[in-house]
Amino acid sequence: MMRIMEKVYTTDKLKYKRADLKQQISRQENVGNLHVIVLNHRADDQIEIIKCRQLYQPCYPTDELVVIGFAESRKEAEHLIMRMTEDAIAATGSIDLKRFVCQLLEDTPTGVITWL
């Protein structure tokens, strides 16, 4: 079962489309070349950047994934991860991005939408 963070990180261009993107992804609609940043609990909480359409493939293991970011391109996704890292440093004093994201998820259990 895949989950998506309520306050998912987005680039400035996608900030106002956040709610629509969540609905489109949950219905497996075409979202163009959207890239998603995911926290993969299966791979020791590895953070990955993948094209959204990979999530729709029947053989792609979406259980244990938490979507934490939306970006228009891989380059934008990399910039978004840098912004997350800056937030992690400001909040915790550490560059441990995985721990920061897991802490965000633990602090806001109702802030995660669960969908199949």
C-alpha atoms as a PDB file:
ATOM      1  CA  MET A   1       0.000   0.000   0.000  1.00  0.00           C
ATOM      2  CA  MET A   2       1.501   3.322  -1.044  1.00  0.00           C
ATOM      3  CA  ARG A   3       1.088   6.489   0.977  1.00  0.00           C
ATOM      4  CA  ILE A   4       1.438  10.141   0.122  1.00  0.00           C
ATOM      5  CA  MET A   5       2.446  12.819   2.611  1.00  0.00           C
ATOM      6  CA  GLU A   6      -0.269  15.422   3.251  1.00  0.00           C
ATOM      7  CA  LYS A   7       2.202  18.318   3.058  1.00  0.00           C
ATOM      8  CA  VAL A   8       4.230  16.847   0.237  1.00  0.00           C
ATOM      9  CA  TYR A   9       7.168  18.936  -0.944  1.00  0.00           C
ATOM     10  CA  THR A  10       6.626  20.537  -4.348  1.00  0.00           C
ATOM     11  CA  THR A  11       8.467  22.852  -6.648  1.00  0.00           C
ATOM     12  CA  ASP A  12       7.125  26.401  -6.949  1.00  0.00           C
ATOM     13  CA  LYS A  13       5.458  25.626 -10.288  1.00  0.00           C
ATOM     14  CA  LEU A  14       3.491  22.728  -8.794  1.00  0.00           C
ATOM     15  CA  LYS A  15       2.636  24.311  -5.438  1.00  0.00           C
ATOM     16  CA  TYR A  16      -0.942  25.165  -6.389  1.00  0.00           C
ATOM     17  CA  LYS A  17      -1.514  21.853  -8.189  1.00  0.00           C
ATOM     18  CA  ARG A  18      -0.615  19.730  -5.156  1.00  0.00           C
ATOM     19  CA  ALA A  19      -4.177  18.574  -4.345  1.00  0.00           C
ATOM     20  CA  ASP A  20      -4.989  17.850  -7.998  1.00  0.00           C
ATOM     21  CA  LEU A  21      -1.796  15.847  -8.439  1.00  0.00           C
ATOM     22  CA  LYS A  22      -2.598  13.721  -5.399  1.00  0.00           C
ATOM     23  CA  GLN A  23      -6.016  12.896  -6.819  1.00  0.00           C
ATOM     24  CA  GLN A  24      -4.661  12.202 -10.301  1.00  0.00           C
ATOM     25  CA  ILE A  25      -1.993   9.867  -8.940  1.00  0.00           C
ATOM     26  CA  SER A  26      -4.462   8.023  -6.731  1.00  0.00           C
ATOM     27  CA  ARG A  27      -6.678   7.453  -9.802  1.00  0.00           C
ATOM     28  CA  GLN A  28      -3.591   6.519 -11.853  1.00  0.00           C
ATOM     29  CA  GLU A  29      -4.272   9.255 -14.394  1.00  0.00           C
ATOM     30  CA  ASN A  30      -1.687  10.620 -16.784  1.00  0.00           C
ATOM     31  CA  VAL A  31       0.359  13.340 -15.103  1.00  0.00           C
ATOM     32  CA  GLY A  32       2.854  13.879 -17.907  1.00  0.00           C
ATOM     33  CA  ASN A  33       6.523  13.734 -16.968  1.00  0.00           C
ATOM     34  CA  LEU A  34       5.946  14.284 -13.268  1.00  0.00           C
ATOM     35  CA  HIS A  35       8.751  12.983 -11.083  1.00  0.00           C
ATOM     36  CA  VAL A  36       8.046  11.866  -7.550  1.00  0.00           C
ATOM     37  CA  ILE A  37      10.408  11.663  -4.618  1.00  0.00           C
ATOM     38  CA  VAL A  38       9.672   8.616  -2.508  1.00  0.00           C
ATOM     39  CA  LEU A  39      10.848   7.204   0.771  1.00  0.00           C
ATOM     40  CA  ASN A  40      11.192   3.461   0.268  1.00  0.00           C
ATOM     41  CA  HIS A  41      10.784   1.530   3.537  1.00  0.00           C
ATOM     42  CA  ARG A  42      11.645  -1.707   1.741  1.00  0.00           C
ATOM     43  CA  ALA A  43      15.078  -0.416   0.791  1.00  0.00           C
ATOM     44  CA  ASP A  44      16.121   0.721   4.279  1.00  0.00           C
ATOM     45  CA  ASP A  45      14.317   4.049   3.955  1.00  0.00           C
ATOM     46  CA  GLN A  46      16.149   4.990   0.793  1.00  0.00           C
ATOM     47  CA  ILE A  47      15.032   8.217  -0.890  1.00  0.00           C
ATOM     48  CA  GLU A  48      14.513   7.802  -4.622  1.00  0.00           C
ATOM     49  CA  ILE A  49      13.465   9.937  -7.579  1.00  0.00           C
ATOM     50  CA  ILE A  50      11.246   8.106 -10.057  1.00  0.00           C
ATOM     51  CA  LYS A  51       8.918   8.994 -12.894  1.00  0.00           C
ATOM     52  CA  CYS A  52       5.346   8.898 -11.701  1.00  0.00           C
ATOM     53  CA  ARG A  53       4.208   6.576 -14.462  1.00  0.00           C
ATOM     54  CA  GLN A  54       6.450   3.838 -13.009  1.00  0.00           C
ATOM     55  CA  LEU A  55       4.068   3.697 -10.044  1.00  0.00           C
ATOM     56  CA  TYR A  56       1.287   2.569 -12.378  1.00  0.00           C
ATOM     57  CA  GLN A  57       3.132  -0.497 -13.639  1.00  0.00           C
ATOM     58  CA  PRO A  58       1.574  -3.682 -12.233  1.00  0.00           C
ATOM     59  CA  CYS A  59       4.969  -5.185 -11.425  1.00  0.00           C
ATOM     60  CA  TYR A  60       6.300  -2.088  -9.622  1.00  0.00           C
ATOM     61  CA  PRO A  61       6.381  -2.663  -5.843  1.00  0.00           C
ATOM     62  CA  THR A  62       4.445   0.334  -4.512  1.00  0.00           C
ATOM     63  CA  ASP A  63       3.805  -1.063  -1.055  1.00  0.00           C
ATOM     64  CA  GLU A  64       6.049   0.476   1.558  1.00  0.00           C
ATOM     65  CA  LEU A  65       6.480   3.679  -0.485  1.00  0.00           C
ATOM     66  CA  VAL A  66       5.727   7.137   0.855  1.00  0.00           C
ATOM     67  CA  VAL A  67       5.575   9.951  -1.699  1.00  0.00           C
ATOM     68  CA  ILE A  68       7.309  12.978  -0.186  1.00  0.00           C
ATOM     69  CA  GLY A  69       7.794  15.260  -3.216  1.00  0.00           C
ATOM     70  CA  PHE A  70       6.564  16.267  -6.680  1.00  0.00           C
ATOM     71  CA  ALA A  71       8.756  17.849  -9.379  1.00  0.00           C
ATOM     72  CA  GLU A  72       8.565  18.579 -13.110  1.00  0.00           C
ATOM     73  CA  SER A  73      11.908  16.972 -13.913  1.00  0.00           C
ATOM     74  CA  ARG A  74      14.723  15.009 -12.365  1.00  0.00           C
ATOM     75  CA  LYS A  75      16.803  18.174 -12.057  1.00  0.00           C
ATOM     76  CA  GLU A  76      13.951  19.935 -10.222  1.00  0.00           C
ATOM     77  CA  ALA A  77      13.579  16.873  -7.970  1.00  0.00           C
ATOM     78  CA  GLU A  78      17.265  17.079  -7.085  1.00  0.00           C
ATOM     79  CA  HIS A  79      16.836  20.758  -6.172  1.00  0.00           C
ATOM     80  CA  LEU A  80      13.827  19.820  -4.063  1.00  0.00           C
ATOM     81  CA  ILE A  81      15.897  17.247  -2.178  1.00  0.00           C
ATOM     82  CA  MET A  82      18.479  19.958  -1.501  1.00  0.00           C
ATOM     83  CA  ARG A  83      15.671  22.115  -0.058  1.00  0.00           C
ATOM     84  CA  MET A  84      14.531  19.198   2.109  1.00  0.00           C
ATOM     85  CA  THR A  85      18.097  18.794   3.334  1.00  0.00           C
ATOM     86  CA  GLU A  86      18.275  22.488   4.238  1.00  0.00           C
ATOM     87  CA  ASP A  87      15.004  22.084   6.164  1.00  0.00           C
ATOM     88  CA  ALA A  88      16.452  19.043   7.937  1.00  0.00           C
ATOM     89  CA  ILE A  89      19.542  20.995   8.972  1.00  0.00           C
ATOM     90  CA  ALA A  90      17.423  23.905  10.221  1.00  0.00           C
ATOM     91  CA  ALA A  91      15.069  21.621  12.172  1.00  0.00           C
ATOM     92  CA  THR A  92      17.476  19.045  13.565  1.00  0.00           C
ATOM     93  CA  GLY A  93      21.001  20.344  13.057  1.00  0.00           C
ATOM     94  CA  SER A  94      21.773  17.213  11.041  1.00  0.00           C
ATOM     95  CA  ILE A  95      21.961  16.403   7.349  1.00  0.00           C
ATOM     96  CA  ASP A  96      20.241  13.063   7.920  1.00  0.00           C
ATOM     97  CA  LEU A  97      17.387  13.573   5.462  1.00  0.00           C
ATOM     98  CA  LYS A  98      15.902  10.108   5.924  1.00  0.00           C
ATOM     99  CA  ARG A  99      15.616  10.620   9.679  1.00  0.00           C
ATOM    100  CA  PHE A 100      14.085  14.073   9.165  1.00  0.00           C
ATOM    101  CA  VAL A 101      11.409  12.755   6.786  1.00  0.00           C
ATOM    102  CA  CYS A 102      10.630   9.803   9.068  1.00  0.00           C
ATOM    103  CA  GLN A 103      10.306  12.256  11.953  1.00  0.00           C
ATOM    104  CA  LEU A 104       7.874  14.365   9.898  1.00  0.00           C
ATOM    105  CA  LEU A 105       5.796  11.266   9.243  1.00  0.00           C
ATOM    106  CA  GLU A 106       5.814  10.261  12.910  1.00  0.00           C
ATOM    107  CA  ASP A 107       4.945  13.763  14.123  1.00  0.00           C
ATOM    108  CA  THR A 108       1.911  13.995  11.862  1.00  0.00           C
ATOM    109  CA  PRO A 109       0.266  10.581  11.678  1.00  0.00           C
ATOM    110  CA  THR A 110      -2.887  12.163  10.287  1.00  0.00           C
ATOM    111  CA  GLY A 111      -0.829  14.049   7.743  1.00  0.00           C
ATOM    112  CA  VAL A 112      -0.388  10.978   5.567  1.00  0.00           C
ATOM    113  CA  ILE A 113      -2.973   9.864   3.064  1.00  0.00           C
ATOM    114  CA  THR A 114      -3.085   6.125   2.485  1.00  0.00           C
ATOM    115  CA  TRP A 115      -4.255   4.788  -0.869  1.00  0.00           C
ATOM    116  CA  LEU A 116      -3.889   1.671  -2.955  1.00  0.00           C
END
